[in-house]
Amino acid sequence: MDKRLPEHPYLNWSGPIAFAHRGGNRTAPENTMAAFEHAACIGFRYLETDVHRSADGVLVAFHDENLLRTCGLDANIADLTWAQIAQLRVDGTEPIPRMVDLFERFPEHRFNIDCKADAALEPLVELINTQGALDRVCVGSFSFKRLQTMRRRLGPGSLTCLSPIETVCLLVFGRLFGSAQRAAQVPPGRGRITVVSRRFIRNARRAGIPVHVWTINDAAEINRLLDLGVDGVMTDDVDLLRSVYAERGVWVSDT
């Protein structure tokens, strides 16, 4: 018999969750306030982002370690002060937001936060606690060590994604160890390996783990994954995902 999905408040949503990956990037540059504003305006309540720490300890919503791809500056976030970072513009138009700015601008929204560096870990834990945001946050990382530290620091009321090794355990062995509340946030596949299949979803159900798939920007693939029974989809194209959900009658928004 399948276990009930975890009762963490973050997962309390009727229907598959729609995630705005980095806020979306079709109408505004990724991980900018303008992108998150657009996603929120059309009804998204789950916002995905990433965090790095500046040289002077400020937590910023930004994906890459280096600023070259999005800001045209060959420098690392960790080597610049917040005052320097605040002068930069993503794609030449939008400033880089602090994570605290996102929490304060969207106090009712839920955040998926990928902790990209060890240096960002303690500031993120402190910010979540200061904001009283534990019930509306799922924390992720590709580092199992980092995830374990965050689980320990945030306590039993936290929700985190699976690490890659935990995903393999669920995929191959159909089980997980430990009592931490977790979500399987995974790509459809990796190379020649299919990750999201009926078997994987069945394994996740038995373990009481919801399955959220990233990053899907194709309508046919969104429909295929929903037909498989996934619990959420992350996308860069928030208008497309909203449209597909609406067509299927599964779009939910509290606006």
Protein backbone atom coordinates (compact mmCIF):
# COMPACT_ATOMS: atom_id res chain seq x y z
CA MET A 1 0.00 0.00 0.00
CA ASP A 2 1.30 3.46 -0.87
CA LYS A 3 2.19 5.77 1.97
CA ARG A 4 0.48 9.12 2.26
CA LEU A 5 2.58 11.95 0.89
CA PRO A 6 4.41 13.97 3.55
CA GLU A 7 2.18 16.36 5.45
CA HIS A 8 4.64 19.22 5.32
CA PRO A 9 2.69 22.50 4.88
CA TYR A 10 4.72 23.29 1.76
CA LEU A 11 3.11 20.32 0.01
CA ASN A 12 -0.44 21.22 0.98
CA TRP A 13 -1.78 21.97 -2.49
CA SER A 14 -4.73 20.56 -4.41
CA GLY A 15 -3.43 19.20 -7.68
CA PRO A 16 0.00 19.08 -9.30
CA ILE A 17 2.23 21.99 -8.26
CA ALA A 18 3.30 24.52 -10.88
CA PHE A 19 6.79 25.88 -10.19
CA ALA A 20 8.21 29.04 -11.77
CA HIS A 21 11.81 27.93 -12.36
CA ARG A 22 14.08 30.90 -11.58
CA GLY A 23 10.88 32.89 -11.85
CA GLY A 24 10.66 32.09 -15.57
CA ASN A 25 12.72 33.69 -18.32
CA ARG A 26 10.40 34.33 -21.23
CA THR A 27 9.14 37.79 -20.22
CA ALA A 28 12.03 38.88 -17.97
CA PRO A 29 15.56 37.67 -17.20
CA GLU A 30 15.88 34.66 -14.90
CA ASN A 31 16.02 35.09 -11.14
CA THR A 32 15.05 38.76 -11.27
CA MET A 33 12.28 40.51 -9.42
CA ALA A 34 10.58 41.22 -12.76
CA ALA A 35 10.45 37.49 -13.55
CA PHE A 36 9.03 36.58 -10.14
CA GLU A 37 6.54 39.43 -10.37
CA HIS A 38 5.23 38.13 -13.69
CA ALA A 39 4.90 34.56 -12.40
CA ALA A 40 3.06 35.76 -9.30
CA CYS A 41 0.83 38.03 -11.38
CA ILE A 42 -0.46 35.12 -13.48
CA GLY A 43 -1.14 33.03 -10.40
CA PHE A 44 2.00 31.02 -9.59
CA ARG A 45 2.38 30.37 -5.87
CA TYR A 46 5.57 28.29 -6.05
CA LEU A 47 8.73 30.17 -6.99
CA GLU A 48 12.03 28.37 -7.59
CA THR A 49 15.36 30.14 -7.17
CA ASP A 50 19.01 29.70 -6.23
CA VAL A 51 21.25 31.39 -3.69
CA HIS A 52 24.88 32.45 -3.41
CA ARG A 53 26.61 34.49 -0.71
CA SER A 54 28.43 37.74 -1.47
CA ALA A 55 31.87 38.52 -0.05
CA ASP A 56 30.24 40.53 2.75
CA GLY A 57 27.64 37.92 3.66
CA VAL A 58 24.57 38.96 1.66
CA LEU A 59 22.45 36.14 0.24
CA VAL A 60 21.50 36.81 -3.38
CA ALA A 61 19.07 35.03 -5.70
CA PHE A 62 21.36 33.93 -8.51
CA HIS A 63 22.08 30.63 -10.25
CA ASP A 64 25.65 30.71 -11.52
CA GLU A 65 28.77 30.99 -9.42
CA ASN A 66 30.14 33.36 -12.05
CA LEU A 67 28.48 36.50 -13.42
CA LEU A 68 29.69 36.23 -17.01
CA ARG A 69 26.74 34.40 -18.61
CA THR A 70 24.00 36.71 -17.37
CA CYS A 71 25.76 39.97 -16.46
CA GLY A 72 28.77 40.02 -18.78
CA LEU A 73 31.29 40.28 -15.92
CA ASP A 74 33.89 37.54 -15.44
CA ALA A 75 33.81 37.55 -11.66
CA ASN A 76 32.38 35.29 -8.96
CA ILE A 77 29.52 36.33 -6.70
CA ALA A 78 31.56 35.23 -3.68
CA ASP A 79 34.33 37.71 -4.51
CA LEU A 80 32.14 40.81 -4.76
CA THR A 81 30.42 42.87 -2.08
CA TRP A 82 26.69 43.47 -2.16
CA ALA A 83 27.33 47.10 -3.13
CA GLN A 84 29.19 45.90 -6.22
CA ILE A 85 26.60 43.25 -7.09
CA ALA A 86 23.76 45.75 -6.73
CA GLN A 87 25.23 47.79 -9.60
CA LEU A 88 25.07 44.88 -12.04
CA ARG A 89 22.19 44.11 -14.39
CA VAL A 90 21.03 40.68 -15.59
CA ASP A 91 20.84 40.74 -19.40
CA GLY A 92 21.68 44.43 -19.10
CA THR A 93 18.26 45.34 -17.71
CA GLU A 94 17.35 43.90 -14.29
CA PRO A 95 19.13 44.04 -10.91
CA ILE A 96 20.02 40.94 -8.92
CA PRO A 97 17.66 40.60 -5.93
CA ARG A 98 18.60 39.64 -2.41
CA MET A 99 16.83 36.57 -1.08
CA VAL A 100 15.38 38.62 1.75
CA ASP A 101 13.79 40.89 -0.87
CA LEU A 102 11.94 37.91 -2.36
CA PHE A 103 10.71 36.72 1.03
CA GLU A 104 9.43 40.17 1.90
CA ARG A 105 7.91 40.88 -1.52
CA PHE A 106 6.06 37.53 -1.64
CA PRO A 107 5.12 36.74 1.97
CA GLU A 108 2.40 34.24 0.99
CA HIS A 109 4.36 32.39 -1.69
CA ARG A 110 6.31 29.17 -1.33
CA PHE A 111 9.94 29.00 -2.33
CA ASN A 112 12.07 26.22 -3.71
CA ILE A 113 15.64 27.31 -2.92
CA ASP A 114 18.74 25.63 -4.33
CA CYS A 115 21.69 26.34 -2.04
CA LYS A 116 24.54 26.58 -4.55
CA ALA A 117 27.55 26.94 -2.25
CA ASP A 118 28.69 25.93 1.21
CA ALA A 119 29.19 29.60 2.08
CA ALA A 120 25.49 30.25 1.47
CA LEU A 121 24.31 27.54 3.85
CA GLU A 122 24.41 29.31 7.19
CA PRO A 123 23.03 32.62 5.85
CA LEU A 124 20.15 30.68 4.26
CA VAL A 125 19.35 28.81 7.47
CA GLU A 126 19.45 32.08 9.40
CA LEU A 127 17.23 33.84 6.87
CA ILE A 128 14.62 31.06 6.85
CA ASN A 129 14.48 31.13 10.63
CA THR A 130 14.41 34.93 10.84
CA GLN A 131 11.57 35.08 8.31
CA GLY A 132 9.67 32.27 10.03
CA ALA A 133 9.51 30.67 6.58
CA LEU A 134 10.18 27.01 7.36
CA ASP A 135 6.64 25.96 6.42
CA ARG A 136 6.85 27.57 2.98
CA VAL A 137 10.31 26.52 1.87
CA CYS A 138 11.81 23.45 0.24
CA VAL A 139 15.60 23.56 0.22
CA GLY A 140 17.69 21.81 -2.40
CA SER A 141 21.29 21.08 -3.28
CA PHE A 142 23.23 18.64 -5.43
CA SER A 143 25.54 18.11 -2.44
CA PHE A 144 24.42 15.36 -0.06
CA LYS A 145 26.69 16.75 2.66
CA ARG A 146 25.16 20.20 2.28
CA LEU A 147 21.64 18.78 2.39
CA GLN A 148 22.41 16.76 5.50
CA THR A 149 23.78 19.86 7.21
CA MET A 150 20.69 21.88 6.29
CA ARG A 151 18.38 19.12 7.53
CA ARG A 152 20.22 19.09 10.82
CA ARG A 153 20.36 22.89 11.16
CA LEU A 154 16.72 23.48 10.16
CA GLY A 155 15.37 20.59 12.20
CA PRO A 156 12.62 18.00 11.71
CA GLY A 157 10.15 20.60 10.44
CA SER A 158 12.20 21.18 7.30
CA LEU A 159 11.56 19.91 3.78
CA THR A 160 14.42 19.26 1.37
CA CYS A 161 14.81 17.72 -2.05
CA LEU A 162 16.57 14.40 -2.57
CA SER A 163 20.29 14.41 -3.21
CA PRO A 164 21.50 12.61 -6.37
CA ILE A 165 22.53 9.55 -4.34
CA GLU A 166 19.12 9.42 -2.66
CA THR A 167 17.46 9.66 -6.07
CA VAL A 168 19.52 6.68 -7.24
CA CYS A 169 18.46 4.71 -4.15
CA LEU A 170 14.81 5.45 -4.88
CA LEU A 171 15.24 4.64 -8.56
CA VAL A 172 17.21 1.41 -8.18
CA PHE A 173 16.20 0.02 -4.80
CA GLY A 174 12.78 1.60 -4.41
CA ARG A 175 13.45 2.82 -0.90
CA LEU A 176 15.06 5.56 1.18
CA PHE A 177 16.68 5.62 4.58
CA GLY A 178 16.12 8.16 7.32
CA SER A 179 13.07 10.08 8.48
CA ALA A 180 13.71 13.51 6.93
CA GLN A 181 10.82 15.00 4.97
CA ARG A 182 11.89 15.01 1.33
CA ALA A 183 10.69 15.63 -2.22
CA ALA A 184 12.10 14.00 -5.35
CA GLN A 185 12.94 16.95 -7.59
CA VAL A 186 14.45 15.38 -10.67
CA PRO A 187 14.89 15.67 -14.44
CA PRO A 188 12.93 13.27 -16.69
CA GLY A 189 16.18 11.49 -17.42
CA ARG A 190 19.94 11.76 -17.39
CA GLY A 191 21.75 10.69 -20.53
CA ARG A 192 20.44 7.27 -21.49
CA ILE A 193 18.90 6.72 -18.07
CA THR A 194 15.18 7.35 -17.62
CA VAL A 195 14.52 8.77 -14.16
CA VAL A 196 10.81 9.59 -14.20
CA SER A 197 8.86 6.46 -15.07
CA ARG A 198 5.79 4.73 -13.68
CA ARG A 199 8.13 2.55 -11.64
CA PHE A 200 9.94 5.56 -10.16
CA ILE A 201 6.65 7.23 -9.28
CA ARG A 202 5.39 3.99 -7.75
CA ASN A 203 8.56 3.76 -5.66
CA ALA A 204 8.13 7.36 -4.59
CA ARG A 205 4.51 6.76 -3.57
CA ARG A 206 5.56 3.81 -1.44
CA ALA A 207 8.20 5.97 0.24
CA GLY A 208 5.75 8.85 0.73
CA ILE A 209 7.82 11.11 -1.54
CA PRO A 210 6.25 13.57 -4.03
CA VAL A 211 7.83 13.80 -7.48
CA HIS A 212 8.55 17.23 -9.01
CA VAL A 213 10.17 17.31 -12.46
CA TRP A 214 12.48 19.96 -13.93
CA THR A 215 12.89 21.86 -16.22
CA ILE A 216 10.07 21.31 -18.73
CA ASN A 217 9.33 23.88 -21.45
CA ASP A 218 7.40 21.72 -23.92
CA ALA A 219 3.62 21.24 -23.79
CA ALA A 220 3.70 17.62 -24.98
CA GLU A 221 6.25 16.70 -22.33
CA ILE A 222 4.29 18.48 -19.60
CA ASN A 223 1.22 16.48 -20.60
CA ARG A 224 3.19 13.22 -20.70
CA LEU A 225 4.55 13.77 -17.20
CA LEU A 226 1.15 14.71 -15.81
CA ASP A 227 -0.29 11.56 -17.40
CA LEU A 228 2.38 9.58 -15.54
CA GLY A 229 1.14 11.11 -12.31
CA VAL A 230 3.92 13.49 -11.25
CA ASP A 231 3.14 15.84 -8.37
CA GLY A 232 4.63 18.98 -9.88
CA VAL A 233 6.40 20.49 -12.89
CA MET A 234 9.06 23.20 -12.99
CA THR A 235 9.31 25.42 -16.06
CA ASP A 236 11.03 28.49 -17.48
CA ASP A 237 7.92 29.17 -19.58
CA VAL A 238 5.35 30.05 -16.93
CA ASP A 239 2.69 31.12 -19.44
CA LEU A 240 2.95 27.77 -21.23
CA LEU A 241 2.74 25.72 -18.04
CA ARG A 242 -0.24 27.71 -16.82
CA SER A 243 -1.97 27.17 -20.17
CA VAL A 244 -1.38 23.39 -20.14
CA TYR A 245 -2.59 23.09 -16.55
CA ALA A 246 -5.67 25.17 -17.37
CA GLU A 247 -6.50 23.03 -20.41
CA ARG A 248 -6.31 19.92 -18.23
CA GLY A 249 -8.44 21.54 -15.51
CA VAL A 250 -5.66 21.28 -12.89
CA TRP A 251 -4.63 24.93 -12.65
CA VAL A 252 -4.98 26.07 -9.05
CA SER A 253 -4.33 29.58 -7.78
CA ASP A 254 -5.49 31.41 -4.66
CA THR A 255 -5.70 34.71 -6.52
